[in-house]
C-alpha atoms as a PDB file:
ATOM      1  CA  UNK A   1      92.447  71.485  94.252  1.00  0.00           C
ATOM      2  CA  UNK A   2      93.753  71.702  98.423  1.00  0.00           C
ATOM      3  CA  UNK A   3      95.598  74.890  99.545  1.00  0.00           C
ATOM      4  CA  UNK A   4      97.425  76.775 102.059  1.00  0.00           C
ATOM      5  CA  UNK A   5      94.648  80.483 101.721  1.00  0.00           C
ATOM      6  CA  UNK A   6      94.230  83.278 103.772  1.00  0.00           C
ATOM      7  CA  UNK A   7      91.177  83.987 105.563  1.00  0.00           C
ATOM      8  CA  UNK A   8      90.154  87.317 107.057  1.00  0.00           C
ATOM      9  CA  UNK A   9      87.763  87.085 109.856  1.00  0.00           C
ATOM     10  CA  UNK A  10      85.380  90.354 109.327  1.00  0.00           C
ATOM     11  CA  UNK A  11      83.986  90.527 113.340  1.00  0.00           C
ATOM     12  CA  UNK A  12      88.163  91.231 113.835  1.00  0.00           C
ATOM     13  CA  UNK A  13      88.669  93.724 111.097  1.00  0.00           C
ATOM     14  CA  UNK A  14      88.663  97.294 111.420  1.00  0.00           C
ATOM     15  CA  UNK A  15      88.177  98.041 108.029  1.00  0.00           C
ATOM     16  CA  UNK A  16      91.908 100.001 108.464  1.00  0.00           C
ATOM     17  CA  UNK A  17      92.999  98.526 104.845  1.00  0.00           C
ATOM     18  CA  UNK A  18      96.844  98.426 105.716  1.00  0.00           C
ATOM     19  CA  UNK A  19      96.377  94.588 104.783  1.00  0.00           C
ATOM     20  CA  UNK A  20      94.940  95.437 100.725  1.00  0.00           C
ATOM     21  CA  UNK A  21      97.852  97.577 101.133  1.00  0.00           C
ATOM     22  CA  UNK A  22     100.391  95.324 102.011  1.00  0.00           C
ATOM     23  CA  UNK A  23      98.837  92.935  99.055  1.00  0.00           C
ATOM     24  CA  UNK A  24     101.016  93.192  95.932  1.00  0.00           C
ATOM     25  CA  UNK A  25      98.902  90.720  94.322  1.00  0.00           C
ATOM     26  CA  UNK A  26      95.524  92.500  94.267  1.00  0.00           C
ATOM     27  CA  UNK A  27      93.917  90.160  96.552  1.00  0.00           C
ATOM     28  CA  UNK A  28      92.389  91.869  98.485  1.00  0.00           C
ATOM     29  CA  UNK A  29      90.686  95.130  98.397  1.00  0.00           C
ATOM     30  CA  UNK A  30      87.668  96.787 100.722  1.00  0.00           C
ATOM     31  CA  UNK A  31      84.189  96.449 100.433  1.00  0.00           C
ATOM     32  CA  UNK A  32      81.486  97.836 102.916  1.00  0.00           C
ATOM     33  CA  UNK A  33      84.421  99.447 104.908  1.00  0.00           C
ATOM     34  CA  UNK A  34      85.941  95.705 105.840  1.00  0.00           C
ATOM     35  CA  UNK A  35      88.729  93.449 103.444  1.00  0.00           C
ATOM     36  CA  UNK A  36      87.588  91.084 101.414  1.00  0.00           C
ATOM     37  CA  UNK A  37      89.497  87.846  99.232  1.00  0.00           C
ATOM     38  CA  UNK A  38      88.689  89.192  96.149  1.00  0.00           C
ATOM     39  CA  UNK A  39      90.253  86.162  93.523  1.00  0.00           C
ATOM     40  CA  UNK A  40      91.413  82.982  95.591  1.00  0.00           C
ATOM     41  CA  UNK A  41      93.656  82.865  92.153  1.00  0.00           C
ATOM     42  CA  UNK A  42      95.537  86.060  92.668  1.00  0.00           C
ATOM     43  CA  UNK A  43      96.222  84.921  97.202  1.00  0.00           C
ATOM     44  CA  UNK A  44      99.641  83.486  96.389  1.00  0.00           C
ATOM     45  CA  UNK A  45      99.256  81.772  99.887  1.00  0.00           C
ATOM     46  CA  UNK A  46     102.816  83.799 101.456  1.00  0.00           C
ATOM     47  CA  UNK A  47     100.800  85.570 103.664  1.00  0.00           C
ATOM     48  CA  UNK A  48     102.765  89.499 102.538  1.00  0.00           C
ATOM     49  CA  UNK A  49      99.389  90.939 104.632  1.00  0.00           C
ATOM     50  CA  UNK A  50      99.374  89.009 107.876  1.00  0.00           C
ATOM     51  CA  UNK A  51     102.005  91.317 110.059  1.00  0.00           C
ATOM     52  CA  UNK A  52     100.634  94.496 108.500  1.00  0.00           C
ATOM     53  CA  UNK A  53      97.220  94.101 110.018  1.00  0.00           C
ATOM     54  CA  UNK A  54      96.471  95.947 113.254  1.00  0.00           C
ATOM     55  CA  UNK A  55      93.435  93.188 114.411  1.00  0.00           C
ATOM     56  CA  UNK A  56      95.016  89.952 113.986  1.00  0.00           C
ATOM     57  CA  UNK A  57      91.951  89.827 111.488  1.00  0.00           C
ATOM     58  CA  UNK A  58      93.658  87.266 108.799  1.00  0.00           C
ATOM     59  CA  UNK A  59      95.089  83.620 109.765  1.00  0.00           C
ATOM     60  CA  UNK A  60      95.944  80.687 107.639  1.00  0.00           C
ATOM     61  CA  UNK A  61      93.282  78.048 106.449  1.00  0.00           C
ATOM     62  CA  UNK A  62      93.626  74.594 104.127  1.00  0.00           C
ATOM     63  CA  UNK A  63      90.699  75.031 101.616  1.00  0.00           C
ATOM     64  CA  UNK A  64      90.277  74.040  98.425  1.00  0.00           C
ATOM     65  CA  UNK A  65      90.549  76.712  96.092  1.00  0.00           C
ATOM     66  CA  UNK A  66      91.911  77.856  92.288  1.00  0.00           C
ATOM     67  CA  UNK A  67      95.428  77.270  92.080  1.00  0.00           C
ATOM     68  CA  UNK A  68      97.375  80.720  92.535  1.00  0.00           C
ATOM     69  CA  UNK A  69      97.776  82.288  88.676  1.00  0.00           C
ATOM     70  CA  UNK A  70     100.501  84.503  88.305  1.00  0.00           C
ATOM     71  CA  UNK A  71      99.673  86.034  84.957  1.00  0.00           C
ATOM     72  CA  UNK A  72      96.446  86.638  86.243  1.00  0.00           C
ATOM     73  CA  UNK A  73      98.073  88.967  88.465  1.00  0.00           C
ATOM     74  CA  UNK A  74     100.088  90.836  86.659  1.00  0.00           C
ATOM     75  CA  UNK A  75      97.297  91.489  83.523  1.00  0.00           C
ATOM     76  CA  UNK A  76      95.045  92.588  86.742  1.00  0.00           C
ATOM     77  CA  UNK A  77      98.489  94.498  88.141  1.00  0.00           C
ATOM     78  CA  UNK A  78      98.521  96.314  84.339  1.00  0.00           C
ATOM     79  CA  UNK A  79      94.725  97.456  84.051  1.00  0.00           C
ATOM     80  CA  UNK A  80      95.359  99.081  88.017  1.00  0.00           C
ATOM     81  CA  UNK A  81      98.414 100.561  87.001  1.00  0.00           C
ATOM     82  CA  UNK A  82      96.423 102.285  83.528  1.00  0.00           C
ATOM     83  CA  UNK A  83      94.124 104.224  86.361  1.00  0.00           C
ATOM     84  CA  UNK A  84      94.321 106.830  88.113  1.00  0.00           C
ATOM     85  CA  UNK A  85      97.142 106.271  91.636  1.00  0.00           C
ATOM     86  CA  UNK A  86      95.902 109.480  93.046  1.00  0.00           C
ATOM     87  CA  UNK A  87      92.738 107.393  94.108  1.00  0.00           C
ATOM     88  CA  UNK A  88      94.963 104.695  96.179  1.00  0.00           C
ATOM     89  CA  UNK A  89      93.117 105.217  99.392  1.00  0.00           C
ATOM     90  CA  UNK A  90      95.531 106.054 102.480  1.00  0.00           C
ATOM     91  CA  UNK A  91      94.780 107.465 105.932  1.00  0.00           C
ATOM     92  CA  UNK A  92      97.108 109.851 107.839  1.00  0.00           C
ATOM     93  CA  UNK A  93      97.537 109.829 111.819  1.00  0.00           C
ATOM     94  CA  UNK A  94      98.203 113.228 112.633  1.00  0.00           C
ATOM     95  CA  UNK A  95      98.260 112.321 116.537  1.00  0.00           C
ATOM     96  CA  UNK A  96     101.960 112.972 117.257  1.00  0.00           C
ATOM     97  CA  UNK A  97     102.603 115.634 114.905  1.00  0.00           C
ATOM     98  CA  UNK A  98     103.849 119.186 116.470  1.00  0.00           C
ATOM     99  CA  UNK A  99     101.045 120.888 117.979  1.00  0.00           C
ATOM    100  CA  UNK A 100      99.503 123.421 115.714  1.00  0.00           C
ATOM    101  CA  UNK A 101     101.188 126.571 117.544  1.00  0.00           C
ATOM    102  CA  UNK A 102     104.119 125.122 116.114  1.00  0.00           C
ATOM    103  CA  UNK A 103     106.702 127.420 114.225  1.00  0.00           C
ATOM    104  CA  UNK A 104     106.226 125.564 111.373  1.00  0.00           C
ATOM    105  CA  UNK A 105     102.933 124.483 110.708  1.00  0.00           C
ATOM    106  CA  UNK A 106     102.025 121.160 110.177  1.00  0.00           C
ATOM    107  CA  UNK A 107      99.310 119.819 107.068  1.00  0.00           C
ATOM    108  CA  UNK A 108      95.709 118.466 108.748  1.00  0.00           C
ATOM    109  CA  UNK A 109      94.576 116.781 105.664  1.00  0.00           C
ATOM    110  CA  UNK A 110      93.590 113.730 107.360  1.00  0.00           C
ATOM    111  CA  UNK A 111      93.180 111.096 104.013  1.00  0.00           C
ATOM    112  CA  UNK A 112      93.884 110.940 100.752  1.00  0.00           C
ATOM    113  CA  UNK A 113      92.180 111.260  98.299  1.00  0.00           C
ATOM    114  CA  UNK A 114      90.130 114.141  98.936  1.00  0.00           C
ATOM    115  CA  UNK A 115      88.217 115.489  95.772  1.00  0.00           C
ATOM    116  CA  UNK A 116      85.182 114.066  96.399  1.00  0.00           C
ATOM    117  CA  UNK A 117      84.596 112.597  92.572  1.00  0.00           C
ATOM    118  CA  UNK A 118      88.083 110.548  93.426  1.00  0.00           C
ATOM    119  CA  UNK A 119      86.901 108.846  96.688  1.00  0.00           C
ATOM    120  CA  UNK A 120      85.326 105.848  97.740  1.00  0.00           C
ATOM    121  CA  UNK A 121      81.896 106.230  99.315  1.00  0.00           C
ATOM    122  CA  UNK A 122      82.599 103.109 101.781  1.00  0.00           C
ATOM    123  CA  UNK A 123      86.171 104.064 102.302  1.00  0.00           C
ATOM    124  CA  UNK A 124      87.135 102.974 105.831  1.00  0.00           C
ATOM    125  CA  UNK A 125      88.214 106.701 107.362  1.00  0.00           C
ATOM    126  CA  UNK A 126      84.551 108.179 106.979  1.00  0.00           C
ATOM    127  CA  UNK A 127      83.456 105.714 109.998  1.00  0.00           C
ATOM    128  CA  UNK A 128      82.678 107.685 112.763  1.00  0.00           C
ATOM    129  CA  UNK A 129      84.264 111.044 111.525  1.00  0.00           C
ATOM    130  CA  UNK A 130      83.678 114.616 111.876  1.00  0.00           C
ATOM    131  CA  UNK A 131      82.315 115.571 108.048  1.00  0.00           C
ATOM    132  CA  UNK A 132      84.546 118.719 106.766  1.00  0.00           C
ATOM    133  CA  UNK A 133      82.629 119.208 102.701  1.00  0.00           C
ATOM    134  CA  UNK A 134      84.981 122.537 101.439  1.00  0.00           C
ATOM    135  CA  UNK A 135      84.863 123.877  97.832  1.00  0.00           C
ATOM    136  CA  UNK A 136      88.633 124.250  96.337  1.00  0.00           C
ATOM    137  CA  UNK A 137      88.882 128.156  96.406  1.00  0.00           C
ATOM    138  CA  UNK A 138      88.684 128.138 100.510  1.00  0.00           C
ATOM    139  CA  UNK A 139      91.970 127.168 101.346  1.00  0.00           C
ATOM    140  CA  UNK A 140      93.201 128.905  98.798  1.00  0.00           C
ATOM    141  CA  UNK A 141      91.444 132.358 100.426  1.00  0.00           C
ATOM    142  CA  UNK A 142      91.286 131.606 104.137  1.00  0.00           C
ATOM    143  CA  UNK A 143      95.029 131.512 105.530  1.00  0.00           C
ATOM    144  CA  UNK A 144      94.568 129.521 108.196  1.00  0.00           C
ATOM    145  CA  UNK A 145      92.559 126.813 106.408  1.00  0.00           C
ATOM    146  CA  UNK A 146      94.263 123.659 107.835  1.00  0.00           C
ATOM    147  CA  UNK A 147      94.185 124.178 111.912  1.00  0.00           C
ATOM    148  CA  UNK A 148      90.546 126.685 111.644  1.00  0.00           C
ATOM    149  CA  UNK A 149      88.715 123.948 109.601  1.00  0.00           C
ATOM    150  CA  UNK A 150      90.696 121.011 108.870  1.00  0.00           C
ATOM    151  CA  UNK A 151      92.387 119.945 112.120  1.00  0.00           C
ATOM    152  CA  UNK A 152      90.451 116.649 113.118  1.00  0.00           C
ATOM    153  CA  UNK A 153      88.535 116.144 110.848  1.00  0.00           C
ATOM    154  CA  UNK A 154      87.895 114.431 106.813  1.00  0.00           C
ATOM    155  CA  UNK A 155      88.027 116.771 104.265  1.00  0.00           C
ATOM    156  CA  UNK A 156      86.327 116.667 100.774  1.00  0.00           C
ATOM    157  CA  UNK A 157      87.025 119.213  98.374  1.00  0.00           C
ATOM    158  CA  UNK A 158      85.365 119.890  94.946  1.00  0.00           C
ATOM    159  CA  UNK A 159      84.223 122.614  92.387  1.00  0.00           C
ATOM    160  CA  UNK A 160      80.696 121.537  90.919  1.00  0.00           C
ATOM    161  CA  UNK A 161      81.413 124.293  88.746  1.00  0.00           C
ATOM    162  CA  UNK A 162      84.600 123.447  87.176  1.00  0.00           C
ATOM    163  CA  UNK A 163      84.394 119.421  87.390  1.00  0.00           C
ATOM    164  CA  UNK A 164      80.384 119.668  86.141  1.00  0.00           C
ATOM    165  CA  UNK A 165      79.169 116.796  88.451  1.00  0.00           C
ATOM    166  CA  UNK A 166      76.355 116.791  90.546  1.00  0.00           C
ATOM    167  CA  UNK A 167      77.956 115.183  93.651  1.00  0.00           C
ATOM    168  CA  UNK A 168      75.007 115.128  95.977  1.00  0.00           C
ATOM    169  CA  UNK A 169      74.513 111.406  95.378  1.00  0.00           C
ATOM    170  CA  UNK A 170      77.810 110.139  96.405  1.00  0.00           C
ATOM    171  CA  UNK A 171      77.964 112.701  99.140  1.00  0.00           C
ATOM    172  CA  UNK A 172      74.646 111.041 100.437  1.00  0.00           C
ATOM    173  CA  UNK A 173      75.779 107.718 100.256  1.00  0.00           C
ATOM    174  CA  UNK A 174      78.731 108.692 102.374  1.00  0.00           C
ATOM    175  CA  UNK A 175      76.602 110.064 104.925  1.00  0.00           C
ATOM    176  CA  UNK A 176      74.156 107.361 104.833  1.00  0.00           C
ATOM    177  CA  UNK A 177      76.840 104.673 104.824  1.00  0.00           C
ATOM    178  CA  UNK A 178      78.611 105.976 107.193  1.00  0.00           C
ATOM    179  CA  UNK A 179      78.972 106.793 110.776  1.00  0.00           C
ATOM    180  CA  UNK A 180      78.938 110.290 110.165  1.00  0.00           C
ATOM    181  CA  UNK A 181      79.173 112.492 113.912  1.00  0.00           C
ATOM    182  CA  UNK A 182      79.083 116.566 112.127  1.00  0.00           C
ATOM    183  CA  UNK A 183      79.230 117.675 108.470  1.00  0.00           C
ATOM    184  CA  UNK A 184      81.348 120.955 107.715  1.00  0.00           C
ATOM    185  CA  UNK A 185      80.596 122.934 105.022  1.00  0.00           C
ATOM    186  CA  UNK A 186      83.060 125.964 103.853  1.00  0.00           C
ATOM    187  CA  UNK A 187      82.574 128.155 100.614  1.00  0.00           C
ATOM    188  CA  UNK A 188      83.421 131.321  99.435  1.00  0.00           C
ATOM    189  CA  UNK A 189      80.613 134.009  98.973  1.00  0.00           C
ATOM    190  CA  UNK A 190      80.778 134.038  94.683  1.00  0.00           C
ATOM    191  CA  UNK A 191      76.608 132.359  94.014  1.00  0.00           C
ATOM    192  CA  UNK A 192      78.233 129.765  92.148  1.00  0.00           C
ATOM    193  CA  UNK A 193      79.647 128.500  94.993  1.00  0.00           C
ATOM    194  CA  UNK A 194      76.663 127.830  96.336  1.00  0.00           C
ATOM    195  CA  UNK A 195      76.222 124.403  94.759  1.00  0.00           C
ATOM    196  CA  UNK A 196      78.508 123.216  96.627  1.00  0.00           C
ATOM    197  CA  UNK A 197      76.154 123.689  99.925  1.00  0.00           C
ATOM    198  CA  UNK A 198      73.472 123.322  97.752  1.00  0.00           C
ATOM    199  CA  UNK A 199      74.076 119.011  96.966  1.00  0.00           C
ATOM    200  CA  UNK A 200      75.661 119.035 100.835  1.00  0.00           C
ATOM    201  CA  UNK A 201      73.038 120.068 102.021  1.00  0.00           C
ATOM    202  CA  UNK A 202      70.595 118.225  99.683  1.00  0.00           C
ATOM    203  CA  UNK A 203      72.910 115.038 100.820  1.00  0.00           C
ATOM    204  CA  UNK A 204      72.103 115.652 104.368  1.00  0.00           C
ATOM    205  CA  UNK A 205      68.405 115.624 104.143  1.00  0.00           C
ATOM    206  CA  UNK A 206      67.996 112.502 101.751  1.00  0.00           C
ATOM    207  CA  UNK A 207      70.529 110.475 103.654  1.00  0.00           C
ATOM    208  CA  UNK A 208      67.348 110.238 106.486  1.00  0.00           C
ATOM    209  CA  UNK A 209      70.156 111.138 108.966  1.00  0.00           C
ATOM    210  CA  UNK A 210      69.995 113.564 111.500  1.00  0.00           C
ATOM    211  CA  UNK A 211      73.361 115.503 111.890  1.00  0.00           C
ATOM    212  CA  UNK A 212      74.642 117.907 113.388  1.00  0.00           C
ATOM    213  CA  UNK A 213      75.902 120.457 110.864  1.00  0.00           C
ATOM    214  CA  UNK A 214      76.759 123.716 109.969  1.00  0.00           C
ATOM    215  CA  UNK A 215      77.822 126.601 107.045  1.00  0.00           C
ATOM    216  CA  UNK A 216      80.655 129.289 106.308  1.00  0.00           C
ATOM    217  CA  UNK A 217      81.045 131.270 104.527  1.00  0.00           C
ATOM    218  CA  UNK A 218      84.601 132.986 103.050  1.00  0.00           C
ATOM    219  CA  UNK A 219      84.558 136.032 101.367  1.00  0.00           C
ATOM    220  CA  UNK A 220      87.156 136.687  98.391  1.00  0.00           C
ATOM    221  CA  UNK A 221      90.002 138.417  99.984  1.00  0.00           C
ATOM    222  CA  UNK A 222      89.696 135.663 102.783  1.00  0.00           C
ATOM    223  CA  UNK A 223      87.697 136.456 105.721  1.00  0.00           C
ATOM    224  CA  UNK A 224      84.888 134.036 107.250  1.00  0.00           C
ATOM    225  CA  UNK A 225      81.692 135.967 106.778  1.00  0.00           C
ATOM    226  CA  UNK A 226      78.676 136.173 108.970  1.00  0.00           C
END
């Protein structure tokens, strides 16, 4: 049938993901850092996504498309709800928040999720960013972690020993597919934390890119070790 349906201009799309969040039917998703209409029959043609797009990349067209299927939408929502809500991507703008010198500390977490194993490889917030790969314990041990390490970066955290996961392949793809400006690896002094440093270095090498990187080691009593 010919009906009104949204059209996404990939050239204009900046990959912010606002339209995907605004689409209550789940018709829009992020693929390769760009918004995509995933299924015609999920789009009701009402356009809640239009005002959410800051780039003006979404418009209405009339074309041959499958009819809106509310039952399929509800079924898809039910499946999504069985997953982890912590995997819903969010980007935080910290530019207008209190300065670092403010009496009350301000979080510098730039995105959600921050766990390596939960973060999508093609998340739009990776492009053009400085990447922080940190061991879980570092933020607990080092008192000024947010201001000294997380500020102005996208943060990924993990613990290979506890998670039982080899992050190297995923980190490789994150670095390879996105415009990462630099990589900072923050680990604890304990031997098991060397696993995080190892997989991060392996990912940098496997990505085929030459990116500035550094490793910072935190002592168990909260000091930066030279």
